[in-house]
Amino acid sequence: MRSKPIYVEIDMMTDLEKLWTYTQTPKLHEQWDLRFSEITYLPREKGDDDQHFLYRTRIGFGLAIAGTGVSKATNPSSKEERTSTLSFGSEQAISLISKGGGYWKYRTNGDMVTFVTQYNYQTRFGLLGRWLDRLLFRPLFGYATAWSFDMLRIWLEKSIPPIVSLQRAVIHYFSVGMLTLLWLFEGIVPKLLYPQAGELAIVQQTGWFAGWEGQVLQLLGYGEIIFGLTAALLHRRKELYGLQIILLFALTMAAFIRNPELLLAPFNPLTLSVPMIGFCLLAGWSSRDLPKAGRCKRKM
């Protein structure tokens, strides 16, 4: 069972020398590359072209994977094309990767620089490790590489540091996740599962759908489910958040106009709409210059 190498390619509006610096300097490299938490270059012997280094990747729960590597640059002074080869490995028993290797290639392309990587590795734990790598680890590793490359592009093109991109990403995906959960909850629980708990009475009090309140409430529930899933799939579309705010405002005002006493209830449409509008504003704001793995080419 042979796995395909991971391949990632992206064009950046920068110059080759600057890109080389940001990828070959450990303190800069570890800021944008999600695959490594720490990179330390070891002293190089005189006349030795190989650069030995140590790396460490935090994987959560207080655990970290540590390993060693060797990189070597070819044509490091070229203004047109450069290559940096790499071999790496870890002797830790918990590391899925035992050893691997690959390259980085830098190629000028008009006003841009094309940055390419391809790498592969061997796994531990026999057949189980190979299947775990194929089904989960390798796709995640490839995605993290592509996402990191685009985060580097944003840093070089727009001077937005990786830490800012990461903070925006956390805010954005948390807000999108909360919006999706709230839309799904509102569509499923009070409208489809337990309409008698209060939602049906609100629709009946409007007087707009005499005899059809139950069916209208079900349609509204399915609509909110679809809307929540659509909002998650199209979370980078800023106009979608404006549409959500308008819809939330309209639904809330319609309920209060027909039944002003709802404002006195401890849990009323306002207590849900205001937080959702807040999440819409946060998600829309944080979608600016958000790294995207899909901007990278993943096949040769």
Protein backbone atom coordinates (compact mmCIF):
# COMPACT_ATOMS: atom_id res chain seq x y z
CA MET A 1 0.00 0.00 0.00
CA ARG A 2 2.02 2.94 -1.29
CA SER A 3 0.90 6.45 -0.42
CA LYS A 4 1.26 9.41 -2.75
CA PRO A 5 3.74 12.10 -1.71
CA ILE A 6 2.28 15.32 -0.34
CA TYR A 7 2.55 18.09 -2.92
CA VAL A 8 1.74 21.78 -2.37
CA GLU A 9 2.34 24.72 -4.72
CA ILE A 10 1.46 28.40 -4.38
CA ASP A 11 2.31 31.69 -6.12
CA MET A 12 3.23 34.68 -3.97
CA MET A 13 3.62 38.37 -4.80
CA THR A 14 7.09 38.69 -3.28
CA ASP A 15 10.73 38.33 -4.25
CA LEU A 16 12.80 35.19 -4.05
CA GLU A 17 15.26 36.53 -1.49
CA LYS A 18 12.54 37.52 0.97
CA LEU A 19 10.76 34.18 0.60
CA TRP A 20 14.06 32.38 1.09
CA THR A 21 14.70 34.31 4.32
CA TYR A 22 11.24 33.60 5.75
CA THR A 23 11.51 29.88 5.04
CA GLN A 24 15.18 29.29 5.89
CA THR A 25 15.34 31.26 9.15
CA PRO A 26 14.15 29.02 12.03
CA LYS A 27 12.53 31.77 14.13
CA LEU A 28 10.54 32.93 11.10
CA HIS A 29 9.79 29.44 9.79
CA GLU A 30 8.28 28.17 13.04
CA GLN A 31 5.85 31.13 13.11
CA TRP A 32 3.99 30.19 9.93
CA ASP A 33 4.40 26.42 9.60
CA LEU A 34 1.71 24.52 11.54
CA ARG A 35 3.76 21.34 11.30
CA PHE A 36 6.51 22.61 13.61
CA SER A 37 6.32 24.33 17.00
CA GLU A 38 10.07 24.77 17.42
CA ILE A 39 13.02 24.56 15.01
CA THR A 40 16.62 24.82 16.19
CA TYR A 41 19.61 24.89 13.85
CA LEU A 42 22.69 23.07 15.14
CA PRO A 43 26.19 24.54 14.68
CA ARG A 44 27.52 23.81 11.22
CA GLU A 45 31.06 22.62 10.74
CA LYS A 46 33.28 24.66 8.46
CA GLY A 47 32.92 23.58 4.86
CA ASP A 48 29.83 21.48 5.56
CA ASP A 49 26.90 22.29 3.26
CA ASP A 50 24.46 20.25 5.33
CA GLN A 51 22.41 22.06 7.96
CA HIS A 52 21.43 19.79 10.85
CA PHE A 53 18.50 20.83 13.01
CA LEU A 54 16.15 19.73 15.78
CA TYR A 55 12.40 20.08 15.58
CA ARG A 56 9.55 19.77 18.03
CA THR A 57 5.80 19.65 17.40
CA ARG A 58 3.28 20.03 20.20
CA ILE A 59 0.30 17.72 19.67
CA GLY A 60 -1.74 18.67 22.72
CA PHE A 61 -2.35 17.17 26.18
CA GLY A 62 1.20 18.14 27.16
CA LEU A 63 2.69 15.84 24.51
CA ALA A 64 5.20 16.72 21.82
CA ILE A 65 6.96 14.95 18.98
CA ALA A 66 10.68 15.68 18.68
CA GLY A 67 13.00 14.75 15.86
CA THR A 68 16.06 15.62 13.85
CA GLY A 69 16.63 16.67 10.28
CA VAL A 70 19.15 17.71 7.68
CA SER A 71 18.62 20.32 4.97
CA LYS A 72 20.84 21.29 2.07
CA ALA A 73 20.46 24.22 -0.30
CA THR A 74 21.35 24.13 -3.98
CA ASN A 75 22.05 27.34 -5.90
CA PRO A 76 21.46 29.47 -2.75
CA SER A 77 22.65 32.62 -4.54
CA SER A 78 20.59 32.15 -7.71
CA LYS A 79 18.08 34.89 -8.54
CA GLU A 80 15.89 32.61 -10.66
CA GLU A 81 15.52 29.23 -8.96
CA ARG A 82 16.62 27.59 -5.74
CA THR A 83 16.03 24.23 -4.10
CA SER A 84 16.34 23.05 -0.52
CA THR A 85 16.30 19.31 0.11
CA LEU A 86 15.32 17.85 3.44
CA SER A 87 15.45 14.60 5.36
CA PHE A 88 13.88 14.16 8.77
CA GLY A 89 12.91 11.55 11.32
CA SER A 90 11.92 10.85 14.89
CA GLU A 91 12.93 8.02 17.22
CA GLN A 92 10.03 8.64 19.59
CA ALA A 93 7.81 5.61 19.95
CA ILE A 94 4.62 7.72 19.82
CA SER A 95 5.58 9.36 16.51
CA LEU A 96 3.64 7.96 13.56
CA ILE A 97 6.40 9.19 11.24
CA SER A 98 9.66 7.28 11.50
CA LYS A 99 11.58 9.02 8.72
CA GLY A 100 10.99 10.94 5.54
CA GLY A 101 12.31 13.45 3.07
CA GLY A 102 11.42 15.98 0.42
CA TYR A 103 12.26 19.36 -1.02
CA TRP A 104 11.31 23.00 -1.26
CA LYS A 105 11.61 24.64 -4.64
CA TYR A 106 11.62 28.40 -5.29
CA ARG A 107 11.10 29.68 -8.83
CA THR A 108 10.66 33.26 -10.03
CA ASN A 109 7.56 33.77 -12.14
CA GLY A 110 7.36 37.35 -13.38
CA ASP A 111 6.39 39.54 -10.41
CA MET A 112 5.69 36.45 -8.34
CA VAL A 113 7.59 33.54 -6.87
CA THR A 114 6.28 29.99 -7.13
CA PHE A 115 6.88 28.09 -3.90
CA VAL A 116 6.64 24.29 -4.13
CA THR A 117 7.10 21.44 -1.71
CA GLN A 118 6.89 17.70 -2.10
CA TYR A 119 7.66 15.21 0.64
CA ASN A 120 6.94 11.67 1.75
CA TYR A 121 7.62 9.58 4.83
CA GLN A 122 7.51 6.11 6.32
CA THR A 123 5.21 5.24 9.22
CA ARG A 124 5.34 3.09 12.33
CA PHE A 125 2.86 0.57 13.75
CA GLY A 126 2.69 -1.70 10.70
CA LEU A 127 -0.56 -2.05 8.78
CA LEU A 128 -2.50 -0.07 11.41
CA GLY A 129 -0.11 2.86 11.08
CA ARG A 130 -0.32 2.81 7.29
CA TRP A 131 -4.13 2.85 7.35
CA LEU A 132 -4.21 5.57 10.01
CA ASP A 133 -1.85 7.62 7.88
CA ARG A 134 -3.81 7.08 4.69
CA LEU A 135 -7.25 7.80 6.14
CA LEU A 136 -6.48 10.58 8.63
CA PHE A 137 -2.93 11.75 9.20
CA ARG A 138 -1.75 12.30 5.62
CA PRO A 139 -4.85 14.29 4.54
CA LEU A 140 -4.54 16.46 7.67
CA PHE A 141 -0.79 16.89 7.16
CA GLY A 142 -1.32 17.93 3.54
CA TYR A 143 -4.08 20.34 4.51
CA ALA A 144 -1.92 21.86 7.27
CA THR A 145 0.93 22.33 4.79
CA ALA A 146 -1.30 24.10 2.27
CA TRP A 147 -2.96 26.24 4.96
CA SER A 148 0.50 27.20 6.26
CA PHE A 149 1.71 28.15 2.77
CA ASP A 150 -1.24 30.50 2.33
CA MET A 151 -0.64 31.97 5.79
CA LEU A 152 2.95 32.65 4.72
CA ARG A 153 1.66 34.28 1.51
CA ILE A 154 -0.57 36.60 3.54
CA TRP A 155 2.38 37.49 5.77
CA LEU A 156 4.61 38.37 2.81
CA GLU A 157 2.00 40.09 0.66
CA LYS A 158 -0.04 41.94 3.29
CA SER A 159 2.30 42.11 6.29
CA ILE A 160 -0.21 40.27 8.50
CA PRO A 161 1.80 38.17 11.00
CA PRO A 162 0.88 34.49 11.34
CA ILE A 163 -0.18 34.96 14.97
CA VAL A 164 -2.82 37.45 13.79
CA SER A 165 -4.01 35.05 11.08
CA LEU A 166 -4.29 32.27 13.66
CA GLN A 167 -6.24 34.48 16.06
CA ARG A 168 -8.63 35.49 13.29
CA ALA A 169 -9.06 31.86 12.29
CA VAL A 170 -9.97 30.84 15.85
CA ILE A 171 -12.49 33.69 16.14
CA HIS A 172 -13.92 32.97 12.70
CA TYR A 173 -14.40 29.22 13.01
CA PHE A 174 -15.71 29.49 16.57
CA SER A 175 -18.28 32.09 15.44
CA VAL A 176 -19.26 30.03 12.39
CA GLY A 177 -19.58 26.91 14.53
CA MET A 178 -21.80 28.66 17.06
CA LEU A 179 -24.00 30.14 14.32
CA THR A 180 -24.40 26.74 12.69
CA LEU A 181 -25.27 25.04 15.99
CA LEU A 182 -27.78 27.74 16.93
CA TRP A 183 -29.51 27.65 13.53
CA LEU A 184 -29.70 23.86 13.69
CA PHE A 185 -30.96 23.90 17.28
CA GLU A 186 -33.62 26.49 16.48
CA GLY A 187 -34.74 24.56 13.43
CA ILE A 188 -34.84 21.11 15.04
CA VAL A 189 -35.75 21.42 18.73
CA PRO A 190 -38.47 24.10 19.15
CA LYS A 191 -39.94 23.85 15.64
CA LEU A 192 -39.78 20.18 14.65
CA LEU A 193 -39.50 18.23 17.92
CA TYR A 194 -41.30 20.35 20.52
CA PRO A 195 -43.48 22.97 18.78
CA GLN A 196 -45.94 22.95 21.70
CA ALA A 197 -43.26 24.39 23.98
CA GLY A 198 -43.91 27.90 22.70
CA GLU A 199 -42.97 28.35 19.05
CA LEU A 200 -46.37 27.19 17.79
CA ALA A 201 -48.12 29.66 20.08
CA ILE A 202 -45.99 32.51 18.74
CA VAL A 203 -46.93 31.64 15.14
CA GLN A 204 -50.60 31.34 16.13
CA GLN A 205 -50.55 34.75 17.80
CA THR A 206 -49.46 36.42 14.57
CA GLY A 207 -52.80 35.46 13.00
CA TRP A 208 -51.18 35.21 9.58
CA PHE A 209 -51.56 31.48 8.91
CA ALA A 210 -54.93 30.44 10.33
CA GLY A 211 -55.18 26.65 10.29
CA TRP A 212 -51.70 26.22 8.81
CA GLU A 213 -49.55 27.19 11.78
CA GLY A 214 -48.10 23.70 12.27
CA GLN A 215 -47.08 23.31 8.64
CA VAL A 216 -45.62 26.81 8.51
CA LEU A 217 -43.60 26.12 11.66
CA GLN A 218 -42.22 22.92 10.12
CA LEU A 219 -41.24 24.75 6.93
CA LEU A 220 -39.55 27.41 9.02
CA GLY A 221 -37.68 24.71 10.93
CA TYR A 222 -36.43 23.01 7.77
CA GLY A 223 -35.50 26.41 6.39
CA GLU A 224 -33.38 27.21 9.44
CA ILE A 225 -31.63 23.84 9.19
CA ILE A 226 -30.80 24.43 5.53
CA PHE A 227 -29.73 27.98 6.28
CA GLY A 228 -27.43 26.84 9.09
CA LEU A 229 -25.72 24.25 6.89
CA THR A 230 -25.41 26.74 4.03
CA ALA A 231 -23.89 29.31 6.38
CA ALA A 232 -21.25 26.76 7.38
CA LEU A 233 -20.42 25.75 3.80
CA LEU A 234 -20.25 29.36 2.54
CA HIS A 235 -18.65 30.80 5.66
CA ARG A 236 -16.20 32.97 3.68
CA ARG A 237 -19.00 34.90 1.96
CA LYS A 238 -19.39 38.18 3.86
CA GLU A 239 -22.75 38.98 2.26
CA LEU A 240 -24.19 35.86 3.88
CA TYR A 241 -23.66 37.38 7.33
CA GLY A 242 -25.51 40.52 6.30
CA LEU A 243 -28.38 38.33 5.11
CA GLN A 244 -28.41 36.47 8.44
CA ILE A 245 -28.54 39.74 10.39
CA ILE A 246 -31.47 40.98 8.29
CA LEU A 247 -33.31 37.67 8.71
CA LEU A 248 -32.72 37.56 12.47
CA PHE A 249 -33.88 41.15 12.86
CA ALA A 250 -37.00 40.51 10.76
CA LEU A 251 -37.97 37.34 12.67
CA THR A 252 -37.45 39.05 16.02
CA MET A 253 -39.41 42.17 15.13
CA ALA A 254 -42.27 40.13 13.65
CA ALA A 255 -42.62 38.23 16.93
CA PHE A 256 -42.55 41.37 19.08
CA ILE A 257 -44.95 43.36 16.89
CA ARG A 258 -47.62 40.69 17.17
CA ASN A 259 -46.93 39.95 20.84
CA PRO A 260 -45.10 42.75 22.73
CA GLU A 261 -45.43 40.80 25.99
CA LEU A 262 -42.67 38.49 24.76
CA LEU A 263 -40.20 41.19 25.82
CA LEU A 264 -41.08 40.43 29.46
CA ALA A 265 -40.29 36.73 29.15
CA PRO A 266 -36.92 35.60 30.62
CA PHE A 267 -36.16 33.73 27.40
CA ASN A 268 -37.46 35.49 24.33
CA PRO A 269 -36.42 35.90 20.67
CA LEU A 270 -34.16 38.82 21.62
CA THR A 271 -31.99 36.72 23.94
CA LEU A 272 -31.12 34.47 21.01
CA SER A 273 -31.03 36.97 18.15
CA VAL A 274 -28.59 39.39 19.81
CA PRO A 275 -25.84 36.75 20.38
CA MET A 276 -26.37 35.37 16.86
CA ILE A 277 -26.04 38.85 15.37
CA GLY A 278 -22.85 39.26 17.40
CA PHE A 279 -21.47 36.00 15.99
CA CYS A 280 -22.39 37.20 12.48
CA LEU A 281 -20.40 40.40 12.99
CA LEU A 282 -17.41 38.50 14.36
CA ALA A 283 -17.47 35.88 11.59
CA GLY A 284 -17.77 38.53 8.87
CA TRP A 285 -14.96 40.65 10.32
CA SER A 286 -12.60 37.70 10.84
CA SER A 287 -13.12 36.38 7.30
CA ARG A 288 -10.80 39.09 5.98
CA ASP A 289 -7.50 37.68 4.70
CA LEU A 290 -8.25 34.28 6.20
CA PRO A 291 -5.76 31.58 5.11
CA LYS A 292 -7.23 29.01 2.77
CA ALA A 293 -5.67 25.68 1.82
CA GLY A 294 -7.71 25.69 -1.39
CA ARG A 295 -5.60 28.52 -2.80
CA CYS A 296 -2.76 26.04 -3.20
CA LYS A 297 -2.27 23.57 -6.00
CA ARG A 298 -2.21 20.06 -4.54
CA LYS A 299 -1.25 18.01 -7.59
CA MET A 300 1.73 18.22 -9.93
